[in-house]
Amino acid sequence: MLSLENLRKGTIFLRLISGRLSQKMNISTVLNIVEIILAVLLIIAILLQQRGVGLGAAFGGEGNVYRKKRGAEKMILYFTVVLAASFLGVAFANLFFDKP
C-alpha cells in the first residue's frame, strides 16, 4: 500500500481525505485544513528570509548594510507576501462560511 507509485499518484492522500477518516467534509473543514497548511508554509517562508549576512550577524554582530534583494531572496519575499495574502483571505472566508 505504501509504494512509491502510490505516493507519486497521491492516492494515499486522497484516501485519507475521502476515506474513513472523514465521512462528511464541509467547506469549513476544508478551509481549516487549507489555513493550517498556509500557516505552516508562511512560517517556513519567514524563517527562510535572511536577516543579516555573515556569521557575525548570527551572533549579534553588526549586519546593518543596506542592500537590494536579488534572485532567490526576492522570490522568497514575493512568495511570503502571496502566502500572507492567501492566509488572510482564507481566514476571512473561514469567518463567513463558519456556521455554528
PDB file of N, CA and C in Angstrom:
ATOM      1  N   MET A   1       0.820  -1.195   0.000  1.00  0.00           N
ATOM      2  CA  MET A   1       0.000   0.000   0.000  1.00  0.00           C
ATOM      3  C   MET A   1       0.858   1.251   0.000  1.00  0.00           C
ATOM      4  N   LEU A   2       1.983   1.274   0.692  1.00  0.00           N
ATOM      5  CA  LEU A   2       2.851   2.439   0.731  1.00  0.00           C
ATOM      6  C   LEU A   2       3.970   2.319  -0.297  1.00  0.00           C
ATOM      7  N   SER A   3       3.600   2.116  -1.520  1.00  0.00           N
ATOM      8  CA  SER A   3       4.617   2.009  -2.558  1.00  0.00           C
ATOM      9  C   SER A   3       4.930   3.389  -3.110  1.00  0.00           C
ATOM     10  N   LEU A   4       6.039   3.472  -3.802  1.00  0.00           N
ATOM     11  CA  LEU A   4       6.453   4.740  -4.388  1.00  0.00           C
ATOM     12  C   LEU A   4       5.470   5.201  -5.448  1.00  0.00           C
ATOM     13  N   GLU A   5       4.880   4.261  -6.153  1.00  0.00           N
ATOM     14  CA  GLU A   5       3.923   4.617  -7.200  1.00  0.00           C
ATOM     15  C   GLU A   5       2.670   5.252  -6.602  1.00  0.00           C
ATOM     16  N   ASN A   6       2.195   4.706  -5.479  1.00  0.00           N
ATOM     17  CA  ASN A   6       1.029   5.288  -4.830  1.00  0.00           C
ATOM     18  C   ASN A   6       1.319   6.678  -4.286  1.00  0.00           C
ATOM     19  N   LEU A   7       2.527   6.880  -3.774  1.00  0.00           N
ATOM     20  CA  LEU A   7       2.875   8.196  -3.267  1.00  0.00           C
ATOM     21  C   LEU A   7       2.942   9.214  -4.391  1.00  0.00           C
ATOM     22  N   ARG A   8       3.463   8.788  -5.538  1.00  0.00           N
ATOM     23  CA  ARG A   8       3.532   9.705  -6.673  1.00  0.00           C
ATOM     24  C   ARG A   8       2.152  10.112  -7.157  1.00  0.00           C
ATOM     25  N   LYS A   9       1.260   9.197  -7.176  1.00  0.00           N
ATOM     26  CA  LYS A   9      -0.086   9.497  -7.665  1.00  0.00           C
ATOM     27  C   LYS A   9      -0.912  10.270  -6.650  1.00  0.00           C
ATOM     28  N   GLY A  10      -0.504  10.224  -5.429  1.00  0.00           N
ATOM     29  CA  GLY A  10      -1.246  10.937  -4.395  1.00  0.00           C
ATOM     30  C   GLY A  10      -2.480  10.201  -3.925  1.00  0.00           C
ATOM     31  N   THR A  11      -2.548   8.913  -4.192  1.00  0.00           N
ATOM     32  CA  THR A  11      -3.754   8.173  -3.826  1.00  0.00           C
ATOM     33  C   THR A  11      -3.896   8.008  -2.322  1.00  0.00           C
ATOM     34  N   ILE A  12      -2.781   7.947  -1.625  1.00  0.00           N
ATOM     35  CA  ILE A  12      -2.870   7.799  -0.172  1.00  0.00           C
ATOM     36  C   ILE A  12      -3.462   9.055   0.449  1.00  0.00           C
ATOM     37  N   PHE A  13      -3.037  10.226  -0.040  1.00  0.00           N
ATOM     38  CA  PHE A  13      -3.581  11.484   0.471  1.00  0.00           C
ATOM     39  C   PHE A  13      -5.075  11.579   0.169  1.00  0.00           C
ATOM     40  N   LEU A  14      -5.451  11.197  -1.041  1.00  0.00           N
ATOM     41  CA  LEU A  14      -6.865  11.249  -1.403  1.00  0.00           C
ATOM     42  C   LEU A  14      -7.692  10.269  -0.595  1.00  0.00           C
ATOM     43  N   ARG A  15      -7.117   9.105  -0.291  1.00  0.00           N
ATOM     44  CA  ARG A  15      -7.838   8.144   0.535  1.00  0.00           C
ATOM     45  C   ARG A  15      -8.034   8.673   1.950  1.00  0.00           C
ATOM     46  N   LEU A  16      -7.044   9.377   2.471  1.00  0.00           N
ATOM     47  CA  LEU A  16      -7.191   9.937   3.816  1.00  0.00           C
ATOM     48  C   LEU A  16      -8.283  10.995   3.849  1.00  0.00           C
ATOM     49  N   ILE A  17      -8.363  11.792   2.804  1.00  0.00           N
ATOM     50  CA  ILE A  17      -9.357  12.866   2.787  1.00  0.00           C
ATOM     51  C   ILE A  17     -10.754  12.314   2.525  1.00  0.00           C
ATOM     52  N   SER A  18     -10.878  11.441   1.543  1.00  0.00           N
ATOM     53  CA  SER A  18     -12.206  10.983   1.161  1.00  0.00           C
ATOM     54  C   SER A  18     -12.579   9.632   1.761  1.00  0.00           C
ATOM     55  N   GLY A  19     -11.708   9.046   2.542  1.00  0.00           N
ATOM     56  CA  GLY A  19     -11.958   7.714   3.074  1.00  0.00           C
ATOM     57  C   GLY A  19     -12.666   7.710   4.401  1.00  0.00           C
ATOM     58  N   ARG A  20     -12.254   6.769   5.226  1.00  0.00           N
ATOM     59  CA  ARG A  20     -12.921   6.544   6.504  1.00  0.00           C
ATOM     60  C   ARG A  20     -12.680   7.655   7.515  1.00  0.00           C
ATOM     61  N   LEU A  21     -11.561   8.363   7.388  1.00  0.00           N
ATOM     62  CA  LEU A  21     -11.240   9.358   8.412  1.00  0.00           C
ATOM     63  C   LEU A  21     -12.191  10.542   8.409  1.00  0.00           C
ATOM     64  N   SER A  22     -12.725  10.884   7.246  1.00  0.00           N
ATOM     65  CA  SER A  22     -13.670  11.997   7.198  1.00  0.00           C
ATOM     66  C   SER A  22     -14.806  11.642   6.256  1.00  0.00           C
ATOM     67  N   GLN A  23     -15.888  11.181   6.817  1.00  0.00           N
ATOM     68  CA  GLN A  23     -17.037  10.783   6.005  1.00  0.00           C
ATOM     69  C   GLN A  23     -17.756  12.002   5.442  1.00  0.00           C
ATOM     70  N   LYS A  24     -17.849  13.052   6.223  1.00  0.00           N
ATOM     71  CA  LYS A  24     -18.549  14.249   5.774  1.00  0.00           C
ATOM     72  C   LYS A  24     -17.600  15.434   5.901  1.00  0.00           C
ATOM     73  N   MET A  25     -17.271  16.033   4.778  1.00  0.00           N
ATOM     74  CA  MET A  25     -16.325  17.138   4.788  1.00  0.00           C
ATOM     75  C   MET A  25     -17.008  18.371   4.207  1.00  0.00           C
ATOM     76  N   ASN A  26     -17.252  19.354   5.044  1.00  0.00           N
ATOM     77  CA  ASN A  26     -17.904  20.564   4.566  1.00  0.00           C
ATOM     78  C   ASN A  26     -16.863  21.637   4.249  1.00  0.00           C
ATOM     79  N   ILE A  27     -17.323  22.776   3.789  1.00  0.00           N
ATOM     80  CA  ILE A  27     -16.419  23.842   3.352  1.00  0.00           C
ATOM     81  C   ILE A  27     -15.603  24.396   4.512  1.00  0.00           C
ATOM     82  N   SER A  28     -16.176  24.411   5.700  1.00  0.00           N
ATOM     83  CA  SER A  28     -15.456  24.916   6.867  1.00  0.00           C
ATOM     84  C   SER A  28     -14.258  24.030   7.206  1.00  0.00           C
ATOM     85  N   THR A  29     -14.430  22.732   7.089  1.00  0.00           N
ATOM     86  CA  THR A  29     -13.333  21.803   7.348  1.00  0.00           C
ATOM     87  C   THR A  29     -12.224  21.967   6.321  1.00  0.00           C
ATOM     88  N   VAL A  30     -12.602  22.117   5.056  1.00  0.00           N
ATOM     89  CA  VAL A  30     -11.614  22.315   4.001  1.00  0.00           C
ATOM     90  C   VAL A  30     -10.847  23.617   4.226  1.00  0.00           C
ATOM     91  N   LEU A  31     -11.560  24.678   4.592  1.00  0.00           N
ATOM     92  CA  LEU A  31     -10.896  25.958   4.850  1.00  0.00           C
ATOM     93  C   LEU A  31      -9.965  25.877   6.051  1.00  0.00           C
ATOM     94  N   ASN A  32     -10.348  25.117   7.069  1.00  0.00           N
ATOM     95  CA  ASN A  32      -9.467  24.946   8.230  1.00  0.00           C
ATOM     96  C   ASN A  32      -8.180  24.219   7.844  1.00  0.00           C
ATOM     97  N   ILE A  33      -8.292  23.189   7.026  1.00  0.00           N
ATOM     98  CA  ILE A  33      -7.114  22.446   6.585  1.00  0.00           C
ATOM     99  C   ILE A  33      -6.212  23.328   5.732  1.00  0.00           C
ATOM    100  N   VAL A  34      -6.809  24.089   4.818  1.00  0.00           N
ATOM    101  CA  VAL A  34      -6.031  24.998   3.966  1.00  0.00           C
ATOM    102  C   VAL A  34      -5.354  26.075   4.810  1.00  0.00           C
ATOM    103  N   GLU A  35      -6.050  26.562   5.828  1.00  0.00           N
ATOM    104  CA  GLU A  35      -5.478  27.589   6.695  1.00  0.00           C
ATOM    105  C   GLU A  35      -4.274  27.059   7.480  1.00  0.00           C
ATOM    106  N   ILE A  36      -4.344  25.836   7.940  1.00  0.00           N
ATOM    107  CA  ILE A  36      -3.218  25.233   8.663  1.00  0.00           C
ATOM    108  C   ILE A  36      -2.020  25.052   7.737  1.00  0.00           C
ATOM    109  N   ILE A  37      -2.279  24.571   6.521  1.00  0.00           N
ATOM    110  CA  ILE A  37      -1.197  24.380   5.555  1.00  0.00           C
ATOM    111  C   ILE A  37      -0.550  25.715   5.196  1.00  0.00           C
ATOM    112  N   LEU A  38      -1.377  26.749   4.977  1.00  0.00           N
ATOM    113  CA  LEU A  38      -0.831  28.080   4.671  1.00  0.00           C
ATOM    114  C   LEU A  38      -0.039  28.647   5.850  1.00  0.00           C
ATOM    115  N   ALA A  39      -0.493  28.386   7.066  1.00  0.00           N
ATOM    116  CA  ALA A  39       0.225  28.885   8.239  1.00  0.00           C
ATOM    117  C   ALA A  39       1.606  28.258   8.347  1.00  0.00           C
ATOM    118  N   VAL A  40       1.697  26.961   8.117  1.00  0.00           N
ATOM    119  CA  VAL A  40       2.990  26.273   8.184  1.00  0.00           C
ATOM    120  C   VAL A  40       3.918  26.783   7.074  1.00  0.00           C
ATOM    121  N   LEU A  41       3.379  26.920   5.861  1.00  0.00           N
ATOM    122  CA  LEU A  41       4.191  27.432   4.753  1.00  0.00           C
ATOM    123  C   LEU A  41       4.647  28.870   4.996  1.00  0.00           C
ATOM    124  N   LEU A  42       3.777  29.676   5.601  1.00  0.00           N
ATOM    125  CA  LEU A  42       4.139  31.060   5.908  1.00  0.00           C
ATOM    126  C   LEU A  42       5.250  31.120   6.953  1.00  0.00           C
ATOM    127  N   ILE A  43       5.195  30.281   7.951  1.00  0.00           N
ATOM    128  CA  ILE A  43       6.258  30.231   8.960  1.00  0.00           C
ATOM    129  C   ILE A  43       7.580  29.830   8.321  1.00  0.00           C
ATOM    130  N   ILE A  44       7.544  28.828   7.450  1.00  0.00           N
ATOM    131  CA  ILE A  44       8.762  28.389   6.772  1.00  0.00           C
ATOM    132  C   ILE A  44       9.319  29.493   5.883  1.00  0.00           C
ATOM    133  N   ALA A  45       8.449  30.178   5.153  1.00  0.00           N
ATOM    134  CA  ALA A  45       8.902  31.254   4.261  1.00  0.00           C
ATOM    135  C   ALA A  45       9.516  32.403   5.054  1.00  0.00           C
ATOM    136  N   ILE A  46       8.960  32.725   6.200  1.00  0.00           N
ATOM    137  CA  ILE A  46       9.523  33.799   7.025  1.00  0.00           C
ATOM    138  C   ILE A  46      10.878  33.384   7.585  1.00  0.00           C
ATOM    139  N   LEU A  47      10.992  32.135   8.015  1.00  0.00           N
ATOM    140  CA  LEU A  47      12.266  31.681   8.567  1.00  0.00           C
ATOM    141  C   LEU A  47      13.357  31.573   7.508  1.00  0.00           C
ATOM    142  N   LEU A  48      12.990  31.401   6.257  1.00  0.00           N
ATOM    143  CA  LEU A  48      13.976  31.302   5.190  1.00  0.00           C
ATOM    144  C   LEU A  48      14.606  32.644   4.828  1.00  0.00           C
ATOM    145  N   GLN A  49      13.941  33.719   5.187  1.00  0.00           N
ATOM    146  CA  GLN A  49      14.476  35.038   4.835  1.00  0.00           C
ATOM    147  C   GLN A  49      15.680  35.352   5.707  1.00  0.00           C
ATOM    148  N   GLN A  50      16.710  35.889   5.069  1.00  0.00           N
ATOM    149  CA  GLN A  50      17.943  36.193   5.788  1.00  0.00           C
ATOM    150  C   GLN A  50      17.854  37.577   6.398  1.00  0.00           C
ATOM    151  N   ARG A  51      18.303  37.685   7.626  1.00  0.00           N
ATOM    152  CA  ARG A  51      18.291  38.979   8.304  1.00  0.00           C
ATOM    153  C   ARG A  51      19.612  39.704   8.093  1.00  0.00           C
ATOM    154  N   GLY A  52      20.681  39.039   8.334  1.00  0.00           N
ATOM    155  CA  GLY A  52      21.996  39.625   8.148  1.00  0.00           C
ATOM    156  C   GLY A  52      22.869  38.647   7.389  1.00  0.00           C
ATOM    157  N   VAL A  53      23.935  39.149   6.838  1.00  0.00           N
ATOM    158  CA  VAL A  53      24.822  38.304   6.056  1.00  0.00           C
ATOM    159  C   VAL A  53      26.083  38.051   6.859  1.00  0.00           C
ATOM    160  N   GLY A  54      26.519  36.823   6.861  1.00  0.00           N
ATOM    161  CA  GLY A  54      27.766  36.504   7.547  1.00  0.00           C
ATOM    162  C   GLY A  54      27.534  35.892   8.903  1.00  0.00           C
ATOM    163  N   LEU A  55      28.574  35.306   9.422  1.00  0.00           N
ATOM    164  CA  LEU A  55      28.498  34.620  10.697  1.00  0.00           C
ATOM    165  C   LEU A  55      28.437  35.612  11.860  1.00  0.00           C
ATOM    166  N   GLY A  56      29.016  36.789  11.685  1.00  0.00           N
ATOM    167  CA  GLY A  56      28.989  37.793  12.742  1.00  0.00           C
ATOM    168  C   GLY A  56      27.586  38.264  13.051  1.00  0.00           C
ATOM    169  N   ALA A  57      26.749  38.358  12.036  1.00  0.00           N
ATOM    170  CA  ALA A  57      25.367  38.787  12.254  1.00  0.00           C
ATOM    171  C   ALA A  57      24.566  37.731  12.999  1.00  0.00           C
ATOM    172  N   ALA A  58      24.957  36.476  12.871  1.00  0.00           N
ATOM    173  CA  ALA A  58      24.243  35.404  13.564  1.00  0.00           C
ATOM    174  C   ALA A  58      24.463  35.475  15.071  1.00  0.00           C
ATOM    175  N   PHE A  59      25.617  36.006  15.504  1.00  0.00           N
ATOM    176  CA  PHE A  59      25.920  36.096  16.927  1.00  0.00           C
ATOM    177  C   PHE A  59      25.758  37.508  17.474  1.00  0.00           C
ATOM    178  N   GLY A  60      24.993  38.341  16.791  1.00  0.00           N
ATOM    179  CA  GLY A  60      24.692  39.672  17.297  1.00  0.00           C
ATOM    180  C   GLY A  60      25.621  40.758  16.815  1.00  0.00           C
ATOM    181  N   GLY A  61      26.446  40.461  15.849  1.00  0.00           N
ATOM    182  CA  GLY A  61      27.347  41.478  15.313  1.00  0.00           C
ATOM    183  C   GLY A  61      26.619  42.440  14.402  1.00  0.00           C
ATOM    184  N   GLU A  62      27.330  43.421  13.949  1.00  0.00           N
ATOM    185  CA  GLU A  62      26.744  44.415  13.068  1.00  0.00           C
ATOM    186  C   GLU A  62      26.528  43.828  11.687  1.00  0.00           C
ATOM    187  N   GLY A  63      25.325  43.913  11.208  1.00  0.00           N
ATOM    188  CA  GLY A  63      24.994  43.475   9.868  1.00  0.00           C
ATOM    189  C   GLY A  63      24.034  44.452   9.226  1.00  0.00           C
ATOM    190  N   ASN A  64      24.224  45.742   9.493  1.00  0.00           N
ATOM    191  CA  ASN A  64      23.284  46.767   9.080  1.00  0.00           C
ATOM    192  C   ASN A  64      23.628  47.372   7.725  1.00  0.00           C
ATOM    193  N   VAL A  65      24.031  46.573   6.808  1.00  0.00           N
ATOM    194  CA  VAL A  65      24.352  47.074   5.482  1.00  0.00           C
ATOM    195  C   VAL A  65      23.096  46.985   4.642  1.00  0.00           C
ATOM    196  N   TYR A  66      22.680  48.125   4.073  1.00  0.00           N
ATOM    197  CA  TYR A  66      21.505  48.126   3.204  1.00  0.00           C
ATOM    198  C   TYR A  66      21.888  47.564   1.854  1.00  0.00           C
ATOM    199  N   ARG A  67      21.104  46.634   1.387  1.00  0.00           N
ATOM    200  CA  ARG A  67      21.358  46.071   0.073  1.00  0.00           C
ATOM    201  C   ARG A  67      20.031  45.713  -0.561  1.00  0.00           C
ATOM    202  N   LYS A  68      20.051  45.577  -1.853  1.00  0.00           N
ATOM    203  CA  LYS A  68      18.853  45.262  -2.595  1.00  0.00           C
ATOM    204  C   LYS A  68      18.672  43.750  -2.657  1.00  0.00           C
ATOM    205  N   LYS A  69      17.420  43.309  -2.534  1.00  0.00           N
ATOM    206  CA  LYS A  69      17.140  41.882  -2.614  1.00  0.00           C
ATOM    207  C   LYS A  69      17.191  41.457  -4.075  1.00  0.00           C
ATOM    208  N   ARG A  70      17.904  40.365  -4.337  1.00  0.00           N
ATOM    209  CA  ARG A  70      18.044  39.867  -5.698  1.00  0.00           C
ATOM    210  C   ARG A  70      17.900  38.360  -5.713  1.00  0.00           C
ATOM    211  N   GLY A  71      17.505  37.858  -6.853  1.00  0.00           N
ATOM    212  CA  GLY A  71      17.488  36.417  -7.080  1.00  0.00           C
ATOM    213  C   GLY A  71      16.503  35.679  -6.207  1.00  0.00           C
ATOM    214  N   ALA A  72      16.997  34.631  -5.567  1.00  0.00           N
ATOM    215  CA  ALA A  72      16.144  33.758  -4.764  1.00  0.00           C
ATOM    216  C   ALA A  72      15.568  34.494  -3.551  1.00  0.00           C
ATOM    217  N   GLU A  73      16.338  35.419  -3.004  1.00  0.00           N
ATOM    218  CA  GLU A  73      15.859  36.175  -1.844  1.00  0.00           C
ATOM    219  C   GLU A  73      14.631  37.006  -2.205  1.00  0.00           C
ATOM    220  N   LYS A  74      14.629  37.563  -3.398  1.00  0.00           N
ATOM    221  CA  LYS A  74      13.497  38.356  -3.864  1.00  0.00           C
ATOM    222  C   LYS A  74      12.273  37.465  -4.106  1.00  0.00           C
ATOM    223  N   MET A  75      12.517  36.274  -4.655  1.00  0.00           N
ATOM    224  CA  MET A  75      11.413  35.350  -4.900  1.00  0.00           C
ATOM    225  C   MET A  75      10.798  34.859  -3.584  1.00  0.00           C
ATOM    226  N   ILE A  76      11.640  34.632  -2.576  1.00  0.00           N
ATOM    227  CA  ILE A  76      11.127  34.216  -1.267  1.00  0.00           C
ATOM    228  C   ILE A  76      10.283  35.338  -0.656  1.00  0.00           C
ATOM    229  N   LEU A  77      10.711  36.577  -0.848  1.00  0.00           N
ATOM    230  CA  LEU A  77       9.938  37.715  -0.346  1.00  0.00           C
ATOM    231  C   LEU A  77       8.572  37.777  -1.018  1.00  0.00           C
ATOM    232  N   TYR A  78       8.523  37.659  -2.335  1.00  0.00           N
ATOM    233  CA  TYR A  78       7.243  37.680  -3.049  1.00  0.00           C
ATOM    234  C   TYR A  78       6.365  36.497  -2.649  1.00  0.00           C
ATOM    235  N   PHE A  79       6.989  35.323  -2.495  1.00  0.00           N
ATOM    236  CA  PHE A  79       6.255  34.132  -2.076  1.00  0.00           C
ATOM    237  C   PHE A  79       5.658  34.331  -0.684  1.00  0.00           C
ATOM    238  N   THR A  80       6.397  34.984   0.202  1.00  0.00           N
ATOM    239  CA  THR A  80       5.904  35.254   1.553  1.00  0.00           C
ATOM    240  C   THR A  80       4.710  36.209   1.521  1.00  0.00           C
ATOM    241  N   VAL A  81       4.785  37.229   0.671  1.00  0.00           N
ATOM    242  CA  VAL A  81       3.679  38.186   0.556  1.00  0.00           C
ATOM    243  C   VAL A  81       2.432  37.487   0.012  1.00  0.00           C
ATOM    244  N   VAL A  82       2.604  36.638  -0.987  1.00  0.00           N
ATOM    245  CA  VAL A  82       1.464  35.899  -1.556  1.00  0.00           C
ATOM    246  C   VAL A  82       0.872  34.951  -0.512  1.00  0.00           C
ATOM    247  N   LEU A  83       1.733  34.272   0.236  1.00  0.00           N
ATOM    248  CA  LEU A  83       1.239  33.378   1.289  1.00  0.00           C
ATOM    249  C   LEU A  83       0.484  34.147   2.371  1.00  0.00           C
ATOM    250  N   ALA A  84       0.998  35.308   2.751  1.00  0.00           N
ATOM    251  CA  ALA A  84       0.332  36.105   3.784  1.00  0.00           C
ATOM    252  C   ALA A  84      -1.038  36.590   3.297  1.00  0.00           C
ATOM    253  N   ALA A  85      -1.111  37.040   2.045  1.00  0.00           N
ATOM    254  CA  ALA A  85      -2.394  37.483   1.497  1.00  0.00           C
ATOM    255  C   ALA A  85      -3.372  36.314   1.378  1.00  0.00           C
ATOM    256  N   SER A  86      -2.873  35.165   0.980  1.00  0.00           N
ATOM    257  CA  SER A  86      -3.725  33.972   0.878  1.00  0.00           C
ATOM    258  C   SER A  86      -4.234  33.545   2.248  1.00  0.00           C
ATOM    259  N   PHE A  87      -3.343  33.579   3.231  1.00  0.00           N
ATOM    260  CA  PHE A  87      -3.735  33.218   4.590  1.00  0.00           C
ATOM    261  C   PHE A  87      -4.825  34.160   5.108  1.00  0.00           C
ATOM    262  N   LEU A  88      -4.659  35.439   4.847  1.00  0.00           N
ATOM    263  CA  LEU A  88      -5.658  36.427   5.281  1.00  0.00           C
ATOM    264  C   LEU A  88      -6.989  36.189   4.575  1.00  0.00           C
ATOM    265  N   GLY A  89      -6.941  35.901   3.280  1.00  0.00           N
ATOM    266  CA  GLY A  89      -8.163  35.639   2.530  1.00  0.00           C
ATOM    267  C   GLY A  89      -8.890  34.394   3.015  1.00  0.00           C
ATOM    268  N   VAL A  90      -8.146  33.335   3.280  1.00  0.00           N
ATOM    269  CA  VAL A  90      -8.759  32.100   3.776  1.00  0.00           C
ATOM    270  C   VAL A  90      -9.314  32.311   5.179  1.00  0.00           C
ATOM    271  N   ALA A  91      -8.628  33.109   5.990  1.00  0.00           N
ATOM    272  CA  ALA A  91      -9.128  33.385   7.343  1.00  0.00           C
ATOM    273  C   ALA A  91     -10.456  34.139   7.299  1.00  0.00           C
ATOM    274  N   PHE A  92     -10.565  35.131   6.401  1.00  0.00           N
ATOM    275  CA  PHE A  92     -11.832  35.859   6.271  1.00  0.00           C
ATOM    276  C   PHE A  92     -12.920  34.973   5.668  1.00  0.00           C
ATOM    277  N   ALA A  93     -12.557  34.133   4.707  1.00  0.00           N
ATOM    278  CA  ALA A  93     -13.539  33.201   4.137  1.00  0.00           C
ATOM    279  C   ALA A  93     -14.024  32.220   5.200  1.00  0.00           C
ATOM    280  N   ASN A  94     -13.123  31.822   6.075  1.00  0.00           N
ATOM    281  CA  ASN A  94     -13.492  30.916   7.149  1.00  0.00           C
ATOM    282  C   ASN A  94     -14.483  31.578   8.117  1.00  0.00           C
ATOM    283  N   LEU A  95     -14.351  32.878   8.303  1.00  0.00           N
ATOM    284  CA  LEU A  95     -15.312  33.606   9.154  1.00  0.00           C
ATOM    285  C   LEU A  95     -16.714  33.590   8.554  1.00  0.00           C
ATOM    286  N   PHE A  96     -16.781  33.756   7.238  1.00  0.00           N
ATOM    287  CA  PHE A  96     -18.097  33.825   6.600  1.00  0.00           C
ATOM    288  C   PHE A  96     -18.757  32.455   6.441  1.00  0.00           C
ATOM    289  N   PHE A  97     -17.962  31.407   6.223  1.00  0.00           N
ATOM    290  CA  PHE A  97     -18.529  30.092   5.998  1.00  0.00           C
ATOM    291  C   PHE A  97     -18.687  29.278   7.279  1.00  0.00           C
ATOM    292  N   ASP A  98     -18.142  29.740   8.381  1.00  0.00           N
ATOM    293  CA  ASP A  98     -18.244  29.001   9.633  1.00  0.00           C
ATOM    294  C   ASP A  98     -19.604  29.247  10.258  1.00  0.00           C
ATOM    295  N   LYS A  99     -20.428  28.233  10.202  1.00  0.00           N
ATOM    296  CA  LYS A  99     -21.775  28.323  10.768  1.00  0.00           C
ATOM    297  C   LYS A  99     -21.830  27.540  12.076  1.00  0.00           C
ATOM    298  N   PRO A 100     -22.321  28.170  13.156  1.00  0.00           N
ATOM    299  CA  PRO A 100     -22.396  27.462  14.442  1.00  0.00           C
ATOM    300  C   PRO A 100     -23.483  26.410  14.446  1.00  0.00           C
TER     301      PRO A 100
END
